[in-house]
Protein backbone atom coordinates (compact mmCIF):
# COMPACT_ATOMS: atom_id res chain seq x y z
CA LEU A 1 0.00 0.00 0.00
CA ILE A 2 1.08 3.57 -0.72
CA PRO A 3 1.70 5.49 2.51
CA THR A 4 -1.05 8.00 3.40
CA THR A 5 1.33 10.95 3.41
CA THR A 6 2.58 10.06 -0.09
CA ARG A 7 -0.96 9.79 -1.44
CA SER A 8 -1.83 13.09 0.24
CA ARG A 9 1.17 14.81 -1.32
CA ASN A 10 0.42 13.41 -4.80
CA GLY A 11 -3.25 14.40 -4.47
CA GLY A 12 -2.25 17.86 -3.34
CA ALA A 13 0.03 18.29 -6.33
CA SER A 14 -2.74 17.26 -8.72
CA SER A 15 -5.18 19.62 -7.01
CA THR A 16 -2.68 22.47 -7.23
CA ILE A 17 -2.15 21.93 -10.97
CA ALA A 18 -5.92 21.75 -11.57
CA MET A 19 -6.52 24.92 -9.57
CA VAL A 20 -3.74 26.80 -11.37
CA VAL A 21 -5.19 25.84 -14.75
CA ALA A 22 -8.69 26.87 -13.62
CA THR A 23 -7.32 30.20 -12.37
CA TRP A 24 -5.66 30.84 -15.73
CA LEU A 25 -8.89 30.04 -17.60
CA PHE A 26 -11.14 32.17 -15.38
CA LEU A 27 -8.86 35.20 -15.31
CA GLY A 28 -8.21 34.88 -19.06
CA GLY A 29 -11.96 34.96 -19.66
CA VAL A 30 -12.38 38.27 -17.82
CA ARG A 31 -11.36 40.34 -20.84
CA HIS A 32 -13.81 38.47 -23.07
CA SER A 33 -16.86 39.08 -20.90
CA ARG A 34 -19.08 41.89 -22.22
CA THR A 35 -20.59 43.00 -18.89
CA LEU A 36 -19.04 44.44 -15.76
CA LEU A 37 -20.76 41.91 -13.49
CA GLY A 38 -19.67 39.11 -15.79
CA LYS A 39 -16.07 40.28 -15.54
CA ALA A 40 -16.38 40.54 -11.76
CA GLY A 41 -17.88 37.04 -11.55
CA LEU A 42 -15.04 35.50 -13.54
CA GLY A 43 -12.55 37.50 -11.46
CA PHE A 44 -13.96 36.13 -8.19
CA LEU A 45 -13.97 32.59 -9.59
CA GLY A 46 -10.33 33.06 -10.61
CA LEU A 47 -9.51 34.37 -7.13
CA GLY A 48 -11.30 31.40 -5.57
CA THR A 49 -9.35 28.85 -7.60
CA LEU A 50 -6.13 30.75 -6.89
CA LEU A 51 -6.83 30.56 -3.15
CA GLY A 52 -7.69 26.89 -3.62
CA SER A 53 -4.31 26.28 -5.24
CA LEU A 54 -2.62 28.08 -2.33
CA TYR A 55 -4.53 25.82 0.07
CA ALA A 56 -3.31 22.71 -1.78
CA LEU A 57 0.23 24.13 -1.91
CA GLN A 58 0.40 24.80 1.82
CA ARG A 59 -0.80 21.24 2.47
CA ILE A 60 2.06 19.93 0.33
CA VAL A 61 4.55 22.13 2.17
CA PHE A 62 3.45 20.98 5.63
CA VAL A 63 3.43 17.30 4.60
CA THR A 64 6.91 17.65 3.06
CA VAL A 65 8.28 19.35 6.15
CA GLN A 66 6.82 16.64 8.37
CA LEU A 67 8.31 13.88 6.21
CA ALA A 68 11.70 15.54 5.95
CA SER A 69 12.19 16.63 9.55
CA GLY A 70 9.50 14.92 11.55
CA THR A 71 8.35 18.30 12.78
CA SER A 72 4.74 19.45 12.54
CA TYR A 73 3.04 22.78 13.16
CA PRO A 74 -0.59 21.86 13.78
CA ALA A 75 -1.73 25.30 15.01
CA LEU A 76 -0.24 27.20 12.05
CA GLU A 77 -1.43 24.55 9.61
CA ASN A 78 -4.97 24.69 11.00
CA LEU A 79 -5.02 28.50 10.84
CA LEU A 80 -3.82 28.64 7.23
CA SER A 81 -6.05 25.79 6.11
CA THR A 82 -9.19 27.27 7.69
CA THR A 83 -8.50 30.78 6.37
CA LEU A 84 -7.77 29.65 2.83
CA LYS A 85 -10.75 27.27 2.71
CA GLN A 86 -13.17 29.95 3.91
CA ALA A 87 -11.78 32.55 1.52
CA THR A 88 -11.96 30.04 -1.36
CA VAL A 89 -15.58 29.13 -0.67
CA LEU A 90 -16.58 32.79 -0.31
CA SER A 91 -14.86 33.85 -3.55
CA VAL A 92 -16.34 30.96 -5.55
CA ALA A 93 -19.82 31.59 -4.12
CA VAL A 94 -19.68 35.28 -5.09
CA GLY A 95 -18.28 34.41 -8.51
CA VAL A 96 -21.09 31.93 -9.18
CA CYS A 97 -23.80 34.41 -8.13
CA LEU A 98 -22.65 37.43 -10.17
CA PRO A 99 -23.26 36.16 -13.76
CA PRO A 100 -26.98 35.41 -13.11
CA LEU A 101 -27.24 38.80 -11.44
CA SER A 102 -25.71 40.31 -14.58
CA VAL A 103 -28.51 38.76 -16.66
CA ALA A 104 -31.11 40.23 -14.29
CA VAL A 105 -29.49 43.67 -14.47
CA GLU A 106 -29.45 43.54 -18.28
CA TYR A 107 -33.12 42.56 -18.31
CA VAL A 108 -34.10 45.47 -16.05
CA ALA A 109 -31.99 47.91 -18.09
CA ALA A 110 -33.60 46.73 -21.33
CA TRP A 111 -37.07 47.06 -19.80
CA SER A 112 -36.29 50.59 -18.56
CA THR A 113 -34.95 51.68 -21.97
CA LEU A 114 -37.95 50.16 -23.75
CA ARG A 115 -40.32 52.01 -21.43
CA LYS A 116 -38.55 55.30 -22.18
CA LEU A 117 -38.49 54.76 -25.95
CA ARG A 118 -42.04 53.47 -26.28
CA PRO A 119 -43.74 56.92 -26.28
CA LEU A 120 -41.39 58.13 -29.03
CA TRP A 121 -42.12 54.93 -30.97
CA VAL A 122 -45.85 55.64 -30.73
CA GLN A 123 -45.47 59.18 -32.05
CA LEU A 124 -43.18 58.29 -34.94
CA THR A 125 -44.97 55.16 -36.08
CA GLU A 126 -48.32 56.95 -36.10
CA ALA A 127 -46.82 59.25 -38.73
CA ALA A 128 -45.07 56.38 -40.56
CA PRO A 129 -47.10 53.24 -39.77
CA TYR A 130 -45.65 51.25 -42.66
CA VAL A 131 -42.35 50.77 -40.79
CA VAL A 132 -43.99 48.64 -38.08
CA LEU A 133 -43.37 44.91 -38.46
CA ALA A 134 -46.47 42.73 -38.51
CA THR A 135 -45.16 39.84 -36.39
CA SER A 136 -46.16 40.01 -32.74
CA VAL A 137 -43.64 39.56 -29.92
CA GLY A 138 -44.35 38.16 -26.45
CA ARG A 139 -44.30 40.74 -23.65
CA TRP A 140 -41.75 38.74 -21.67
CA ARG A 141 -39.18 38.95 -24.52
CA VAL A 142 -38.03 42.36 -23.38
CA ARG A 143 -34.63 42.43 -25.09
CA PHE A 144 -36.12 41.34 -28.41
CA ARG A 145 -38.88 43.95 -28.07
CA LEU A 146 -36.24 46.60 -27.40
CA GLU A 147 -34.31 45.62 -30.52
CA ARG A 148 -37.47 45.80 -32.57
CA CYS A 149 -38.46 49.14 -31.05
CA VAL A 150 -35.04 50.64 -31.88
CA ILE A 151 -35.17 49.35 -35.46
CA GLU A 152 -38.67 50.71 -36.04
CA VAL A 153 -37.83 54.09 -34.48
CA GLU A 154 -34.78 54.44 -36.73
CA ASP A 155 -36.77 53.33 -39.79
CA ALA A 156 -39.46 55.88 -38.95
CA CYS A 157 -36.80 58.60 -38.66
CA LEU A 158 -35.51 57.65 -42.11
CA ALA A 159 -39.03 57.84 -43.53
CA LEU A 160 -39.81 61.16 -41.85
CA ARG A 161 -36.69 62.78 -43.30
CA GLU A 162 -38.62 63.04 -46.56
CA TYR A 163 -40.94 65.64 -45.00
CA VAL A 164 -38.25 68.17 -44.02
CA SER A 165 -35.17 69.61 -45.66
CA VAL A 166 -31.67 69.98 -44.35
CA ASP A 167 -32.47 73.67 -43.89
CA MET A 168 -34.96 72.68 -41.18
CA HIS A 169 -32.18 70.76 -39.43
CA THR A 170 -29.90 73.81 -39.62
CA LYS A 171 -32.65 76.08 -38.26
CA ALA A 172 -33.29 73.62 -35.42
CA ARG A 173 -29.64 73.57 -34.39
CA ARG A 174 -29.47 77.36 -34.50
CA PHE A 175 -32.66 77.69 -32.48
CA VAL A 176 -31.44 75.21 -29.85
CA ARG A 177 -28.20 77.13 -29.40
CA GLN A 178 -30.10 80.42 -29.08
CA GLU A 179 -32.28 78.89 -26.37
CA GLY A 180 -29.19 78.02 -24.31
CA VAL A 181 -29.48 74.24 -24.37
CA ALA A 182 -26.42 72.51 -22.93
CA ALA A 183 -23.82 71.58 -25.55
CA GLN A 184 -23.96 67.85 -24.78
CA LEU A 185 -27.73 67.86 -25.37
CA SER A 186 -28.03 70.32 -28.23
CA ASP A 187 -27.71 67.83 -31.10
CA ALA A 188 -30.31 65.49 -29.61
CA VAL A 189 -32.73 68.35 -28.91
CA ALA A 190 -32.27 69.65 -32.47
CA GLU A 191 -33.03 66.14 -33.73
CA ALA A 192 -36.22 66.11 -31.69
CA CYS A 193 -37.15 69.52 -33.12
CA TRP A 194 -37.03 68.49 -36.75
CA LEU A 195 -38.64 65.13 -35.98
CA ARG A 196 -41.63 66.86 -34.37
CA ALA A 197 -41.88 69.16 -37.38
CA ALA A 198 -41.60 66.19 -39.74
CA VAL A 199 -44.36 64.30 -37.90
CA GLN A 200 -46.64 67.30 -38.27
CA SER A 201 -45.85 67.59 -41.97
CA ALA A 202 -46.39 63.85 -42.46
CA ARG A 203 -49.84 64.11 -40.93
CA ASN A 204 -50.60 66.84 -43.46
CA GLY A 205 -49.12 64.79 -46.30
CA GLU A 206 -46.52 67.45 -47.14
CA ARG A 207 -43.75 65.25 -48.54
CA LEU A 208 -40.79 67.15 -50.03
CA GLN A 209 -38.97 66.22 -53.22
CA GLY A 210 -35.82 67.50 -54.85
CA VAL A 211 -34.28 68.69 -51.57
CA GLU A 212 -31.47 67.50 -49.33
CA TYR A 213 -32.75 65.70 -46.25
CA PRO A 214 -31.33 66.11 -42.73
CA PRO A 215 -28.78 63.58 -41.42
CA LEU A 216 -29.66 61.15 -38.64
CA GLY A 217 -27.77 61.66 -35.40
CA VAL A 218 -27.94 57.98 -34.53
CA THR A 219 -25.85 56.94 -37.54
CA GLY A 220 -22.41 55.47 -36.84
CA ARG A 221 -22.83 54.94 -33.10
CA ASP A 222 -22.03 51.86 -31.05
CA ARG A 223 -24.79 50.06 -29.16
CA ALA A 224 -24.49 51.90 -25.85
CA SER A 225 -24.19 55.31 -27.52
CA GLU A 226 -27.13 54.50 -29.81
CA LEU A 227 -29.46 53.74 -26.90
CA SER A 228 -28.27 56.76 -24.94
CA TRP A 229 -28.88 59.00 -27.97
CA LEU A 230 -32.39 57.66 -28.56
CA ARG A 231 -33.30 58.08 -24.89
CA THR A 232 -32.16 61.70 -24.99
CA VAL A 233 -34.06 62.39 -28.22
CA ALA A 234 -37.19 60.73 -26.79
CA ARG A 235 -37.02 62.80 -23.62
CA ALA A 236 -36.59 66.03 -25.59
CA TYR A 237 -39.30 65.11 -28.11
CA LEU A 238 -41.88 64.46 -25.40
CA SER A 239 -41.13 67.07 -22.76
CA SER A 240 -38.72 69.78 -23.92
CA PRO A 241 -40.30 73.27 -24.09
CA VAL A 242 -37.62 74.21 -26.63
CA VAL A 243 -38.91 71.56 -29.03
CA SER A 244 -42.52 72.67 -28.55
CA GLU A 245 -41.62 76.31 -29.18
CA PHE A 246 -39.62 75.46 -32.31
CA VAL A 247 -42.52 73.50 -33.79
CA ARG A 248 -44.98 76.26 -32.89
CA GLN A 249 -42.84 78.89 -34.61
CA GLU A 250 -42.36 76.71 -37.67
CA HIS A 251 -46.08 76.04 -37.91
CA SER A 252 -46.84 79.76 -37.60
CA SER A 253 -44.23 80.57 -40.24
CA ILE A 254 -45.63 77.99 -42.66
CA SER A 255 -49.19 79.19 -42.07
CA HIS A 256 -48.11 82.79 -42.67
CA GLU A 257 -46.33 81.86 -45.91
CA GLN A 258 -49.35 79.91 -47.13
CA GLY A 259 -51.64 82.85 -46.30
CA ALA A 260 -49.37 85.24 -48.15
CA SER A 261 -49.30 82.93 -51.16
CA GLU A 262 -53.10 82.72 -51.21
CA ARG A 263 -53.40 86.52 -51.05
CA ILE A 264 -50.96 86.92 -53.93
CA SER A 265 -52.91 84.40 -55.99
CA SER A 266 -56.14 86.24 -55.28
CA ASN A 267 -54.62 89.57 -56.32
CA ASP A 268 -53.28 88.03 -59.51
CA ASN A 269 -56.76 86.82 -60.37
């Protein structure tokens, strides 16, 4: 039979190698995780396996010392073993819990963003209903519903560009600056201005042809920036007094021009 101490030392060496490999895999996966909680979870799992390898290593050291010199240090060994085991279990437990928590956080964030974009979606798709996809989506599929909402909002913006010219976009940006809107919000508020004007023109069927259309501010953004931009535009579209005043002035200007044109036509006749 193999002596117990020899088997213990061999088992400890195997455990140490396994823990080191696991630590390398977990910590190497941190940079590939796309969420902060996912990175933290893998980091804690890596820390747990690292502590586990230290536990196995200290067992090997104490067994080797006892075999070589016949001396043992039971108090120190017990202290190190208990501390490392508790720290290992705690780190692994935290690491296992964080990835599911990350999924829950993503779900709540998607639901919150969808709730904020939904009113803008209603306004834009009423003016351009043909961009709405016919297939229904279950209410519990929040992330899929958010993707669909974003796509339909952006498609509606593309369609509504045909009701305003780039001059309207320029006027909106100038008006927003004159009203003292913060620089980091000015582009989004200007976007909301011409979108509100375009929705009004679409309801009147006033499609423009032969003009340059305004650019979309959402173009060329990454996912996080895209959602942040749309939330800001939605908030300005629905509640900004600057947007309401711009649309009111534009409506008054258009009505005045149409009245003047009618008077000129009457005089000509």
